[in-house]
């Protein structure tokens, strides 16, 4: 993920876990509430397993991401207006994605509760 064509470098799942673990342990001193992946094929079992100790919810697509990806304004506006639980924000992201691409046809985006082990 995070492929850089200019330098031919990228992050592996293990790199991502290492970076997020350092942030959780040394900066935040807690897990992230939500990690959202606005990229293709990130709701795979392997990715979820890598992130289960870094966040409560993973929001990602099991397949390809459509078009321009997420419409951040569609779900950030409601979040800015009132305090929502991480489960509510995760669901809101999925709903906003569904609304954005309703006319396109088939698409996937899931909110996965990683605390339900």
PDB file of N, CA and C in Angstrom:
ATOM      1  N   UNK A   1       0.844  -1.176   0.000  1.00  0.00           N
ATOM      2  CA  UNK A   1       0.000   0.000   0.000  1.00  0.00           C
ATOM      3  C   UNK A   1       0.882   1.228   0.000  1.00  0.00           C
ATOM      4  N   UNK A   2       0.304   2.391  -0.241  1.00  0.00           N
ATOM      5  CA  UNK A   2       1.057   3.650  -0.270  1.00  0.00           C
ATOM      6  C   UNK A   2       2.206   3.573  -1.258  1.00  0.00           C
ATOM      7  N   UNK A   3       1.952   3.017  -2.424  1.00  0.00           N
ATOM      8  CA  UNK A   3       3.003   2.841  -3.423  1.00  0.00           C
ATOM      9  C   UNK A   3       3.434   4.191  -3.983  1.00  0.00           C
ATOM     10  N   UNK A   4       4.723   4.400  -4.064  1.00  0.00           N
ATOM     11  CA  UNK A   4       5.301   5.624  -4.604  1.00  0.00           C
ATOM     12  C   UNK A   4       6.003   5.264  -5.909  1.00  0.00           C
ATOM     13  N   UNK A   5       5.393   5.629  -7.039  1.00  0.00           N
ATOM     14  CA  UNK A   5       5.946   5.303  -8.352  1.00  0.00           C
ATOM     15  C   UNK A   5       7.311   5.938  -8.587  1.00  0.00           C
ATOM     16  N   UNK A   6       7.522   7.129  -8.088  1.00  0.00           N
ATOM     17  CA  UNK A   6       8.774   7.848  -8.339  1.00  0.00           C
ATOM     18  C   UNK A   6       9.976   7.118  -7.736  1.00  0.00           C
ATOM     19  N   UNK A   7       9.803   6.547  -6.553  1.00  0.00           N
ATOM     20  CA  UNK A   7      10.923   5.893  -5.867  1.00  0.00           C
ATOM     21  C   UNK A   7      10.779   4.380  -5.785  1.00  0.00           C
ATOM     22  N   UNK A   8       9.674   3.856  -6.333  1.00  0.00           N
ATOM     23  CA  UNK A   8       9.413   2.423  -6.335  1.00  0.00           C
ATOM     24  C   UNK A   8       9.489   1.839  -4.919  1.00  0.00           C
ATOM     25  N   UNK A   9       8.817   2.516  -3.977  1.00  0.00           N
ATOM     26  CA  UNK A   9       8.758   2.051  -2.589  1.00  0.00           C
ATOM     27  C   UNK A   9       7.299   1.971  -2.154  1.00  0.00           C
ATOM     28  N   UNK A  10       7.044   1.244  -1.091  1.00  0.00           N
ATOM     29  CA  UNK A  10       5.687   1.060  -0.593  1.00  0.00           C
ATOM     30  C   UNK A  10       5.747   0.598   0.853  1.00  0.00           C
ATOM     31  N   UNK A  11       4.590   0.586   1.507  1.00  0.00           N
ATOM     32  CA  UNK A  11       4.465   0.035   2.850  1.00  0.00           C
ATOM     33  C   UNK A  11       3.913  -1.384   2.752  1.00  0.00           C
ATOM     34  N   UNK A  12       4.517  -2.302   3.466  1.00  0.00           N
ATOM     35  CA  UNK A  12       3.938  -3.638   3.577  1.00  0.00           C
ATOM     36  C   UNK A  12       2.941  -3.620   4.734  1.00  0.00           C
ATOM     37  N   UNK A  13       2.164  -4.670   4.870  1.00  0.00           N
ATOM     38  CA  UNK A  13       1.253  -4.778   6.016  1.00  0.00           C
ATOM     39  C   UNK A  13       2.041  -4.734   7.322  1.00  0.00           C
ATOM     40  N   UNK A  14       3.202  -5.368   7.331  1.00  0.00           N
ATOM     41  CA  UNK A  14       4.033  -5.391   8.534  1.00  0.00           C
ATOM     42  C   UNK A  14       4.571  -3.991   8.849  1.00  0.00           C
ATOM     43  N   UNK A  15       4.956  -3.226   7.806  1.00  0.00           N
ATOM     44  CA  UNK A  15       5.406  -1.842   8.009  1.00  0.00           C
ATOM     45  C   UNK A  15       4.290  -1.019   8.630  1.00  0.00           C
ATOM     46  N   UNK A  16       3.094  -1.171   8.095  1.00  0.00           N
ATOM     47  CA  UNK A  16       1.947  -0.424   8.598  1.00  0.00           C
ATOM     48  C   UNK A  16       1.705  -0.739  10.073  1.00  0.00           C
ATOM     49  N   UNK A  17       1.736  -2.015  10.417  1.00  0.00           N
ATOM     50  CA  UNK A  17       1.534  -2.420  11.805  1.00  0.00           C
ATOM     51  C   UNK A  17       2.609  -1.827  12.708  1.00  0.00           C
ATOM     52  N   UNK A  18       3.845  -1.862  12.277  1.00  0.00           N
ATOM     53  CA  UNK A  18       4.949  -1.327  13.086  1.00  0.00           C
ATOM     54  C   UNK A  18       4.771   0.164  13.334  1.00  0.00           C
ATOM     55  N   UNK A  19       4.430   0.900  12.278  1.00  0.00           N
ATOM     56  CA  UNK A  19       4.247   2.351  12.413  1.00  0.00           C
ATOM     57  C   UNK A  19       3.066   2.667  13.322  1.00  0.00           C
ATOM     58  N   UNK A  20       1.940   2.019  13.090  1.00  0.00           N
ATOM     59  CA  UNK A  20       0.752   2.291  13.904  1.00  0.00           C
ATOM     60  C   UNK A  20       0.953   1.872  15.357  1.00  0.00           C
ATOM     61  N   UNK A  21       1.656   0.784  15.590  1.00  0.00           N
ATOM     62  CA  UNK A  21       1.943   0.355  16.959  1.00  0.00           C
ATOM     63  C   UNK A  21       2.794   1.389  17.689  1.00  0.00           C
ATOM     64  N   UNK A  22       3.782   1.938  16.996  1.00  0.00           N
ATOM     65  CA  UNK A  22       4.622   2.979  17.601  1.00  0.00           C
ATOM     66  C   UNK A  22       3.795   4.210  17.941  1.00  0.00           C
ATOM     67  N   UNK A  23       2.896   4.591  17.042  1.00  0.00           N
ATOM     68  CA  UNK A  23       2.032   5.751  17.309  1.00  0.00           C
ATOM     69  C   UNK A  23       1.131   5.477  18.514  1.00  0.00           C
ATOM     70  N   UNK A  24       0.519   4.290  18.535  1.00  0.00           N
ATOM     71  CA  UNK A  24      -0.373   3.937  19.653  1.00  0.00           C
ATOM     72  C   UNK A  24       0.372   3.914  20.979  1.00  0.00           C
ATOM     73  N   UNK A  25       1.545   3.300  20.993  1.00  0.00           N
ATOM     74  CA  UNK A  25       2.288   3.116  22.243  1.00  0.00           C
ATOM     75  C   UNK A  25       3.056   4.355  22.694  1.00  0.00           C
ATOM     76  N   UNK A  26       3.609   5.119  21.758  1.00  0.00           N
ATOM     77  CA  UNK A  26       4.509   6.209  22.121  1.00  0.00           C
ATOM     78  C   UNK A  26       3.915   7.607  21.998  1.00  0.00           C
ATOM     79  N   UNK A  27       2.837   7.735  21.253  1.00  0.00           N
ATOM     80  CA  UNK A  27       2.248   9.063  21.038  1.00  0.00           C
ATOM     81  C   UNK A  27       0.853   9.143  21.667  1.00  0.00           C
ATOM     82  N   UNK A  28      -0.039   8.284  21.225  1.00  0.00           N
ATOM     83  CA  UNK A  28      -1.424   8.328  21.707  1.00  0.00           C
ATOM     84  C   UNK A  28      -1.599   7.669  23.071  1.00  0.00           C
ATOM     85  N   UNK A  29      -0.813   6.662  23.339  1.00  0.00           N
ATOM     86  CA  UNK A  29      -0.931   5.838  24.546  1.00  0.00           C
ATOM     87  C   UNK A  29      -2.290   5.147  24.629  1.00  0.00           C
ATOM     88  N   UNK A  30      -2.836   4.840  23.463  1.00  0.00           N
ATOM     89  CA  UNK A  30      -4.084   4.079  23.337  1.00  0.00           C
ATOM     90  C   UNK A  30      -4.240   3.673  21.883  1.00  0.00           C
ATOM     91  N   UNK A  31      -5.238   2.830  21.608  1.00  0.00           N
ATOM     92  CA  UNK A  31      -5.542   2.432  20.233  1.00  0.00           C
ATOM     93  C   UNK A  31      -6.258   3.558  19.502  1.00  0.00           C
ATOM     94  N   UNK A  32      -6.214   3.524  18.180  1.00  0.00           N
ATOM     95  CA  UNK A  32      -7.057   4.391  17.374  1.00  0.00           C
ATOM     96  C   UNK A  32      -8.490   3.895  17.527  1.00  0.00           C
ATOM     97  N   UNK A  33      -9.446   4.806  17.458  1.00  0.00           N
ATOM     98  CA  UNK A  33     -10.848   4.377  17.444  1.00  0.00           C
ATOM     99  C   UNK A  33     -11.164   3.737  16.098  1.00  0.00           C
ATOM    100  N   UNK A  34     -10.755   4.409  15.019  1.00  0.00           N
ATOM    101  CA  UNK A  34     -11.080   3.966  13.664  1.00  0.00           C
ATOM    102  C   UNK A  34      -9.847   4.131  12.778  1.00  0.00           C
ATOM    103  N   UNK A  35      -9.595   3.128  11.972  1.00  0.00           N
ATOM    104  CA  UNK A  35      -8.639   3.273  10.877  1.00  0.00           C
ATOM    105  C   UNK A  35      -9.428   3.039   9.604  1.00  0.00           C
ATOM    106  N   UNK A  36      -9.425   4.032   8.738  1.00  0.00           N
ATOM    107  CA  UNK A  36     -10.136   3.944   7.472  1.00  0.00           C
ATOM    108  C   UNK A  36      -9.152   3.814   6.327  1.00  0.00           C
ATOM    109  N   UNK A  37      -9.402   2.863   5.467  1.00  0.00           N
ATOM    110  CA  UNK A  37      -8.541   2.606   4.319  1.00  0.00           C
ATOM    111  C   UNK A  37      -9.288   2.968   3.046  1.00  0.00           C
ATOM    112  N   UNK A  38      -8.948   4.101   2.485  1.00  0.00           N
ATOM    113  CA  UNK A  38      -9.556   4.548   1.236  1.00  0.00           C
ATOM    114  C   UNK A  38      -8.698   4.036   0.086  1.00  0.00           C
ATOM    115  N   UNK A  39      -8.623   2.698   0.003  1.00  0.00           N
ATOM    116  CA  UNK A  39      -7.803   2.028  -1.001  1.00  0.00           C
ATOM    117  C   UNK A  39      -8.417   0.657  -1.288  1.00  0.00           C
ATOM    118  N   UNK A  40      -8.034   0.082  -2.386  1.00  0.00           N
ATOM    119  CA  UNK A  40      -8.597  -1.206  -2.800  1.00  0.00           C
ATOM    120  C   UNK A  40      -8.108  -2.357  -1.938  1.00  0.00           C
ATOM    121  N   UNK A  41      -8.981  -3.335  -1.737  1.00  0.00           N
ATOM    122  CA  UNK A  41      -8.672  -4.635  -1.132  1.00  0.00           C
ATOM    123  C   UNK A  41      -8.066  -4.554   0.272  1.00  0.00           C
ATOM    124  N   UNK A  42      -8.482  -3.599   1.079  1.00  0.00           N
ATOM    125  CA  UNK A  42      -7.892  -3.444   2.407  1.00  0.00           C
ATOM    126  C   UNK A  42      -8.716  -4.085   3.514  1.00  0.00           C
ATOM    127  N   UNK A  43      -9.915  -4.595   3.204  1.00  0.00           N
ATOM    128  CA  UNK A  43     -10.725  -5.276   4.223  1.00  0.00           C
ATOM    129  C   UNK A  43     -10.499  -6.784   4.153  1.00  0.00           C
ATOM    130  N   UNK A  44      -9.279  -7.159   3.922  1.00  0.00           N
ATOM    131  CA  UNK A  44      -8.915  -8.571   3.863  1.00  0.00           C
ATOM    132  C   UNK A  44      -8.563  -9.055   5.270  1.00  0.00           C
ATOM    133  N   UNK A  45      -8.712 -10.329   5.505  1.00  0.00           N
ATOM    134  CA  UNK A  45      -8.422 -10.926   6.800  1.00  0.00           C
ATOM    135  C   UNK A  45      -6.998 -10.609   7.251  1.00  0.00           C
ATOM    136  N   UNK A  46      -6.062 -10.658   6.316  1.00  0.00           N
ATOM    137  CA  UNK A  46      -4.663 -10.410   6.660  1.00  0.00           C
ATOM    138  C   UNK A  46      -4.454  -8.988   7.185  1.00  0.00           C
ATOM    139  N   UNK A  47      -5.101  -8.020   6.571  1.00  0.00           N
ATOM    140  CA  UNK A  47      -4.972  -6.629   6.991  1.00  0.00           C
ATOM    141  C   UNK A  47      -5.646  -6.441   8.355  1.00  0.00           C
ATOM    142  N   UNK A  48      -6.840  -6.989   8.514  1.00  0.00           N
ATOM    143  CA  UNK A  48      -7.552  -6.879   9.792  1.00  0.00           C
ATOM    144  C   UNK A  48      -6.728  -7.498  10.919  1.00  0.00           C
ATOM    145  N   UNK A  49      -6.097  -8.630  10.665  1.00  0.00           N
ATOM    146  CA  UNK A  49      -5.275  -9.277  11.688  1.00  0.00           C
ATOM    147  C   UNK A  49      -4.075  -8.403  12.061  1.00  0.00           C
ATOM    148  N   UNK A  50      -3.509  -7.718  11.084  1.00  0.00           N
ATOM    149  CA  UNK A  50      -2.370  -6.830  11.351  1.00  0.00           C
ATOM    150  C   UNK A  50      -2.785  -5.631  12.199  1.00  0.00           C
ATOM    151  N   UNK A  51      -4.042  -5.213  12.089  1.00  0.00           N
ATOM    152  CA  UNK A  51      -4.494  -3.986  12.747  1.00  0.00           C
ATOM    153  C   UNK A  51      -5.286  -4.218  14.034  1.00  0.00           C
ATOM    154  N   UNK A  52      -5.552  -5.464  14.387  1.00  0.00           N
ATOM    155  CA  UNK A  52      -6.455  -5.731  15.508  1.00  0.00           C
ATOM    156  C   UNK A  52      -5.971  -5.174  16.841  1.00  0.00           C
ATOM    157  N   UNK A  53      -4.687  -4.950  17.009  1.00  0.00           N
ATOM    158  CA  UNK A  53      -4.187  -4.378  18.250  1.00  0.00           C
ATOM    159  C   UNK A  53      -3.946  -2.873  18.151  1.00  0.00           C
ATOM    160  N   UNK A  54      -4.318  -2.288  17.002  1.00  0.00           N
ATOM    161  CA  UNK A  54      -4.086  -0.859  16.770  1.00  0.00           C
ATOM    162  C   UNK A  54      -5.369  -0.037  16.757  1.00  0.00           C
ATOM    163  N   UNK A  55      -6.517  -0.705  16.532  1.00  0.00           N
ATOM    164  CA  UNK A  55      -7.756   0.068  16.411  1.00  0.00           C
ATOM    165  C   UNK A  55      -8.966  -0.766  16.801  1.00  0.00           C
ATOM    166  N   UNK A  56     -10.048  -0.043  17.063  1.00  0.00           N
ATOM    167  CA  UNK A  56     -11.305  -0.695  17.403  1.00  0.00           C
ATOM    168  C   UNK A  56     -12.085  -1.068  16.145  1.00  0.00           C
ATOM    169  N   UNK A  57     -12.142  -0.151  15.170  1.00  0.00           N
ATOM    170  CA  UNK A  57     -12.883  -0.375  13.930  1.00  0.00           C
ATOM    171  C   UNK A  57     -11.990  -0.171  12.718  1.00  0.00           C
ATOM    172  N   UNK A  58     -12.139  -1.063  11.744  1.00  0.00           N
ATOM    173  CA  UNK A  58     -11.494  -0.921  10.442  1.00  0.00           C
ATOM    174  C   UNK A  58     -12.594  -0.670   9.426  1.00  0.00           C
ATOM    175  N   UNK A  59     -12.474   0.425   8.682  1.00  0.00           N
ATOM    176  CA  UNK A  59     -13.423   0.717   7.606  1.00  0.00           C
ATOM    177  C   UNK A  59     -12.640   0.600   6.307  1.00  0.00           C
ATOM    178  N   UNK A  60     -13.054  -0.348   5.465  1.00  0.00           N
ATOM    179  CA  UNK A  60     -12.294  -0.619   4.247  1.00  0.00           C
ATOM    180  C   UNK A  60     -13.143  -1.409   3.255  1.00  0.00           C
ATOM    181  N   UNK A  61     -12.647  -1.488   2.040  1.00  0.00           N
ATOM    182  CA  UNK A  61     -13.330  -2.210   0.975  1.00  0.00           C
ATOM    183  C   UNK A  61     -12.729  -3.598   0.794  1.00  0.00           C
ATOM    184  N   UNK A  62     -13.604  -4.574   0.583  1.00  0.00           N
ATOM    185  CA  UNK A  62     -13.152  -5.940   0.315  1.00  0.00           C
ATOM    186  C   UNK A  62     -12.680  -6.086  -1.124  1.00  0.00           C
ATOM    187  N   UNK A  63     -13.098  -5.170  -1.970  1.00  0.00           N
ATOM    188  CA  UNK A  63     -12.783  -5.237  -3.388  1.00  0.00           C
ATOM    189  C   UNK A  63     -12.132  -3.919  -3.799  1.00  0.00           C
ATOM    190  N   UNK A  64     -12.348  -3.519  -5.030  1.00  0.00           N
ATOM    191  CA  UNK A  64     -11.748  -2.279  -5.515  1.00  0.00           C
ATOM    192  C   UNK A  64     -12.539  -1.074  -5.013  1.00  0.00           C
ATOM    193  N   UNK A  65     -11.845   0.027  -4.850  1.00  0.00           N
ATOM    194  CA  UNK A  65     -12.475   1.305  -4.481  1.00  0.00           C
ATOM    195  C   UNK A  65     -12.922   1.994  -5.774  1.00  0.00           C
ATOM    196  N   UNK A  66     -14.075   2.557  -5.723  1.00  0.00           N
ATOM    197  CA  UNK A  66     -14.615   3.210  -6.916  1.00  0.00           C
ATOM    198  C   UNK A  66     -14.117   4.647  -7.073  1.00  0.00           C
ATOM    199  N   UNK A  67     -13.958   5.044  -8.323  1.00  0.00           N
ATOM    200  CA  UNK A  67     -13.704   6.436  -8.698  1.00  0.00           C
ATOM    201  C   UNK A  67     -12.727   7.180  -7.830  1.00  0.00           C
ATOM    202  N   UNK A  68     -13.201   8.253  -7.281  1.00  0.00           N
ATOM    203  CA  UNK A  68     -12.362   9.146  -6.479  1.00  0.00           C
ATOM    204  C   UNK A  68     -12.278   8.703  -5.020  1.00  0.00           C
ATOM    205  N   UNK A  69     -12.797   7.521  -4.702  1.00  0.00           N
ATOM    206  CA  UNK A  69     -12.734   7.049  -3.324  1.00  0.00           C
ATOM    207  C   UNK A  69     -13.830   7.655  -2.479  1.00  0.00           C
ATOM    208  N   UNK A  70     -13.514   7.967  -1.251  1.00  0.00           N
ATOM    209  CA  UNK A  70     -14.507   8.451  -0.310  1.00  0.00           C
ATOM    210  C   UNK A  70     -14.803   9.925  -0.526  1.00  0.00           C
ATOM    211  N   UNK A  71     -16.060  10.289  -0.313  1.00  0.00           N
ATOM    212  CA  UNK A  71     -16.455  11.697  -0.270  1.00  0.00           C
ATOM    213  C   UNK A  71     -16.405  12.103   1.202  1.00  0.00           C
ATOM    214  N   UNK A  72     -15.272  12.634   1.613  1.00  0.00           N
ATOM    215  CA  UNK A  72     -15.046  12.925   3.033  1.00  0.00           C
ATOM    216  C   UNK A  72     -16.038  13.946   3.582  1.00  0.00           C
ATOM    217  N   UNK A  73     -16.407  14.891   2.775  1.00  0.00           N
ATOM    218  CA  UNK A  73     -17.351  15.921   3.235  1.00  0.00           C
ATOM    219  C   UNK A  73     -18.679  15.305   3.656  1.00  0.00           C
ATOM    220  N   UNK A  74     -19.088  14.266   2.963  1.00  0.00           N
ATOM    221  CA  UNK A  74     -20.380  13.634   3.218  1.00  0.00           C
ATOM    222  C   UNK A  74     -20.477  13.063   4.635  1.00  0.00           C
ATOM    223  N   UNK A  75     -19.378  12.573   5.190  1.00  0.00           N
ATOM    224  CA  UNK A  75     -19.454  12.035   6.551  1.00  0.00           C
ATOM    225  C   UNK A  75     -18.763  12.911   7.597  1.00  0.00           C
ATOM    226  N   UNK A  76     -17.890  13.803   7.189  1.00  0.00           N
ATOM    227  CA  UNK A  76     -17.231  14.655   8.184  1.00  0.00           C
ATOM    228  C   UNK A  76     -18.141  15.768   8.692  1.00  0.00           C
ATOM    229  N   UNK A  77     -19.053  16.232   7.856  1.00  0.00           N
ATOM    230  CA  UNK A  77     -19.974  17.285   8.301  1.00  0.00           C
ATOM    231  C   UNK A  77     -20.802  16.825   9.506  1.00  0.00           C
ATOM    232  N   UNK A  78     -21.467  15.676   9.443  1.00  0.00           N
ATOM    233  CA  UNK A  78     -22.222  15.223  10.623  1.00  0.00           C
ATOM    234  C   UNK A  78     -21.335  14.997  11.847  1.00  0.00           C
ATOM    235  N   UNK A  79     -20.108  14.530  11.632  1.00  0.00           N
ATOM    236  CA  UNK A  79     -19.184  14.297  12.745  1.00  0.00           C
ATOM    237  C   UNK A  79     -18.805  15.613  13.411  1.00  0.00           C
ATOM    238  N   UNK A  80     -18.703  16.672  12.623  1.00  0.00           N
ATOM    239  CA  UNK A  80     -18.330  17.981  13.184  1.00  0.00           C
ATOM    240  C   UNK A  80     -19.489  18.627  13.950  1.00  0.00           C
ATOM    241  N   UNK A  81     -20.696  18.172  13.692  1.00  0.00           N
ATOM    242  CA  UNK A  81     -21.878  18.785  14.314  1.00  0.00           C
ATOM    243  C   UNK A  81     -22.227  18.193  15.674  1.00  0.00           C
ATOM    244  N   UNK A  82     -21.862  16.939  15.927  1.00  0.00           N
ATOM    245  CA  UNK A  82     -22.146  16.335  17.231  1.00  0.00           C
ATOM    246  C   UNK A  82     -21.182  15.190  17.491  1.00  0.00           C
ATOM    247  N   UNK A  83     -21.011  14.874  18.760  1.00  0.00           N
ATOM    248  CA  UNK A  83     -20.108  13.796  19.157  1.00  0.00           C
ATOM    249  C   UNK A  83     -20.783  12.459  18.870  1.00  0.00           C
ATOM    250  N   UNK A  84     -20.065  11.608  18.152  1.00  0.00           N
ATOM    251  CA  UNK A  84     -20.565  10.280  17.820  1.00  0.00           C
ATOM    252  C   UNK A  84     -19.593   9.222  18.324  1.00  0.00           C
ATOM    253  N   UNK A  85     -20.118   8.071  18.654  1.00  0.00           N
ATOM    254  CA  UNK A  85     -19.288   6.939  19.056  1.00  0.00           C
ATOM    255  C   UNK A  85     -18.549   6.403  17.830  1.00  0.00           C
ATOM    256  N   UNK A  86     -17.409   5.754  18.027  1.00  0.00           N
ATOM    257  CA  UNK A  86     -16.675   5.188  16.889  1.00  0.00           C
ATOM    258  C   UNK A  86     -17.523   4.251  16.028  1.00  0.00           C
ATOM    259  N   UNK A  87     -18.405   3.494  16.642  1.00  0.00           N
ATOM    260  CA  UNK A  87     -19.280   2.612  15.863  1.00  0.00           C
ATOM    261  C   UNK A  87     -20.210   3.416  14.962  1.00  0.00           C
ATOM    262  N   UNK A  88     -20.687   4.549  15.463  1.00  0.00           N
ATOM    263  CA  UNK A  88     -21.577   5.403  14.672  1.00  0.00           C
ATOM    264  C   UNK A  88     -20.832   6.069  13.517  1.00  0.00           C
ATOM    265  N   UNK A  89     -19.618   6.519  13.786  1.00  0.00           N
ATOM    266  CA  UNK A  89     -18.819   7.153  12.731  1.00  0.00           C
ATOM    267  C   UNK A  89     -18.469   6.129  11.659  1.00  0.00           C
ATOM    268  N   UNK A  90     -18.100   4.929  12.082  1.00  0.00           N
ATOM    269  CA  UNK A  90     -17.782   3.862  11.123  1.00  0.00           C
ATOM    270  C   UNK A  90     -18.968   3.560  10.219  1.00  0.00           C
ATOM    271  N   UNK A  91     -20.137   3.445  10.812  1.00  0.00           N
ATOM    272  CA  UNK A  91     -21.355   3.199  10.029  1.00  0.00           C
ATOM    273  C   UNK A  91     -21.666   4.368   9.105  1.00  0.00           C
ATOM    274  N   UNK A  92     -21.438   5.573   9.593  1.00  0.00           N
ATOM    275  CA  UNK A  92     -21.682   6.773   8.796  1.00  0.00           C
ATOM    276  C   UNK A  92     -20.780   6.807   7.559  1.00  0.00           C
ATOM    277  N   UNK A  93     -19.529   6.398   7.704  1.00  0.00           N
ATOM    278  CA  UNK A  93     -18.605   6.352   6.567  1.00  0.00           C
ATOM    279  C   UNK A  93     -19.123   5.379   5.515  1.00  0.00           C
ATOM    280  N   UNK A  94     -19.566   4.203   5.959  1.00  0.00           N
ATOM    281  CA  UNK A  94     -20.088   3.195   5.033  1.00  0.00           C
ATOM    282  C   UNK A  94     -21.343   3.715   4.334  1.00  0.00           C
ATOM    283  N   UNK A  95     -22.240   4.316   5.080  1.00  0.00           N
ATOM    284  CA  UNK A  95     -23.475   4.859   4.502  1.00  0.00           C
ATOM    285  C   UNK A  95     -23.166   5.962   3.491  1.00  0.00           C
ATOM    286  N   UNK A  96     -22.231   6.844   3.825  1.00  0.00           N
ATOM    287  CA  UNK A  96     -21.856   7.931   2.909  1.00  0.00           C
ATOM    288  C   UNK A  96     -21.279   7.374   1.616  1.00  0.00           C
ATOM    289  N   UNK A  97     -20.497   6.325   1.708  1.00  0.00           N
ATOM    290  CA  UNK A  97     -19.923   5.685   0.523  1.00  0.00           C
ATOM    291  C   UNK A  97     -21.030   5.075  -0.338  1.00  0.00           C
ATOM    292  N   UNK A  98     -21.963   4.389   0.317  1.00  0.00           N
ATOM    293  CA  UNK A  98     -23.090   3.791  -0.413  1.00  0.00           C
ATOM    294  C   UNK A  98     -23.903   4.857  -1.128  1.00  0.00           C
ATOM    295  N   UNK A  99     -24.162   5.970  -0.445  1.00  0.00           N
ATOM    296  CA  UNK A  99     -24.930   7.063  -1.053  1.00  0.00           C
ATOM    297  C   UNK A  99     -24.168   7.689  -2.218  1.00  0.00           C
ATOM    298  N   UNK A 100     -22.882   7.852  -2.058  1.00  0.00           N
ATOM    299  CA  UNK A 100     -22.053   8.473  -3.096  1.00  0.00           C
ATOM    300  C   UNK A 100     -22.063   7.653  -4.387  1.00  0.00           C
ATOM    301  N   UNK A 101     -22.053   6.339  -4.247  1.00  0.00           N
ATOM    302  CA  UNK A 101     -21.930   5.476  -5.414  1.00  0.00           C
ATOM    303  C   UNK A 101     -23.193   4.664  -5.716  1.00  0.00           C
ATOM    304  N   UNK A 102     -24.331   5.081  -5.201  1.00  0.00           N
ATOM    305  CA  UNK A 102     -25.591   4.352  -5.400  1.00  0.00           C
ATOM    306  C   UNK A 102     -25.926   4.162  -6.879  1.00  0.00           C
ATOM    307  N   UNK A 103     -25.627   5.145  -7.696  1.00  0.00           N
ATOM    308  CA  UNK A 103     -25.974   5.070  -9.122  1.00  0.00           C
ATOM    309  C   UNK A 103     -24.947   4.291  -9.941  1.00  0.00           C
ATOM    310  N   UNK A 104     -23.838   3.922  -9.337  1.00  0.00           N
ATOM    311  CA  UNK A 104     -22.769   3.251 -10.075  1.00  0.00           C
ATOM    312  C   UNK A 104     -23.003   1.757 -10.193  1.00  0.00           C
ATOM    313  N   UNK A 105     -23.617   1.172  -9.215  1.00  0.00           N
ATOM    314  CA  UNK A 105     -23.816  -0.267  -9.227  1.00  0.00           C
ATOM    315  C   UNK A 105     -23.115  -0.911  -8.050  1.00  0.00           C
ATOM    316  N   UNK A 106     -22.539  -2.065  -8.283  1.00  0.00           N
ATOM    317  CA  UNK A 106     -21.943  -2.844  -7.204  1.00  0.00           C
ATOM    318  C   UNK A 106     -20.692  -2.172  -6.630  1.00  0.00           C
ATOM    319  N   UNK A 107     -20.626  -2.166  -5.305  1.00  0.00           N
ATOM    320  CA  UNK A 107     -19.466  -1.624  -4.605  1.00  0.00           C
ATOM    321  C   UNK A 107     -19.449  -2.187  -3.186  1.00  0.00           C
ATOM    322  N   UNK A 108     -18.301  -2.156  -2.545  1.00  0.00           N
ATOM    323  CA  UNK A 108     -18.205  -2.683  -1.194  1.00  0.00           C
ATOM    324  C   UNK A 108     -17.462  -1.707  -0.290  1.00  0.00           C
ATOM    325  N   UNK A 109     -17.910  -1.609   0.922  1.00  0.00           N
ATOM    326  CA  UNK A 109     -17.209  -0.926   2.000  1.00  0.00           C
ATOM    327  C   UNK A 109     -17.810  -1.462   3.284  1.00  0.00           C
ATOM    328  N   UNK A 110     -16.953  -1.818   4.230  1.00  0.00           N
ATOM    329  CA  UNK A 110     -17.414  -2.423   5.476  1.00  0.00           C
ATOM    330  C   UNK A 110     -16.816  -1.718   6.675  1.00  0.00           C
ATOM    331  N   UNK A 111     -17.562  -1.736   7.765  1.00  0.00           N
ATOM    332  CA  UNK A 111     -17.053  -1.317   9.071  1.00  0.00           C
ATOM    333  C   UNK A 111     -16.911  -2.598   9.886  1.00  0.00           C
ATOM    334  N   UNK A 112     -15.689  -2.910  10.256  1.00  0.00           N
ATOM    335  CA  UNK A 112     -15.407  -4.169  10.943  1.00  0.00           C
ATOM    336  C   UNK A 112     -14.995  -3.860  12.382  1.00  0.00           C
ATOM    337  N   UNK A 113     -15.704  -4.421  13.335  1.00  0.00           N
ATOM    338  CA  UNK A 113     -15.380  -4.258  14.741  1.00  0.00           C
ATOM    339  C   UNK A 113     -14.282  -5.265  15.084  1.00  0.00           C
ATOM    340  N   UNK A 114     -13.051  -4.767  15.253  1.00  0.00           N
ATOM    341  CA  UNK A 114     -11.912  -5.653  15.498  1.00  0.00           C
ATOM    342  C   UNK A 114     -11.798  -6.087  16.949  1.00  0.00           C
ATOM    343  N   UNK A 115     -12.673  -5.581  17.810  1.00  0.00           N
ATOM    344  CA  UNK A 115     -12.660  -6.032  19.201  1.00  0.00           C
ATOM    345  C   UNK A 115     -13.467  -7.302  19.375  1.00  0.00           C
ATOM    346  N   UNK A 116     -14.223  -7.693  18.363  1.00  0.00           N
ATOM    347  CA  UNK A 116     -15.030  -8.918  18.401  1.00  0.00           C
ATOM    348  C   UNK A 116     -14.183 -10.093  17.914  1.00  0.00           C
ATOM    349  N   UNK A 117     -13.223 -10.490  18.715  1.00  0.00           N
ATOM    350  CA  UNK A 117     -12.269 -11.541  18.314  1.00  0.00           C
ATOM    351  C   UNK A 117     -12.819 -12.919  18.598  1.00  0.00           C
TER     352      UNK A 117
END
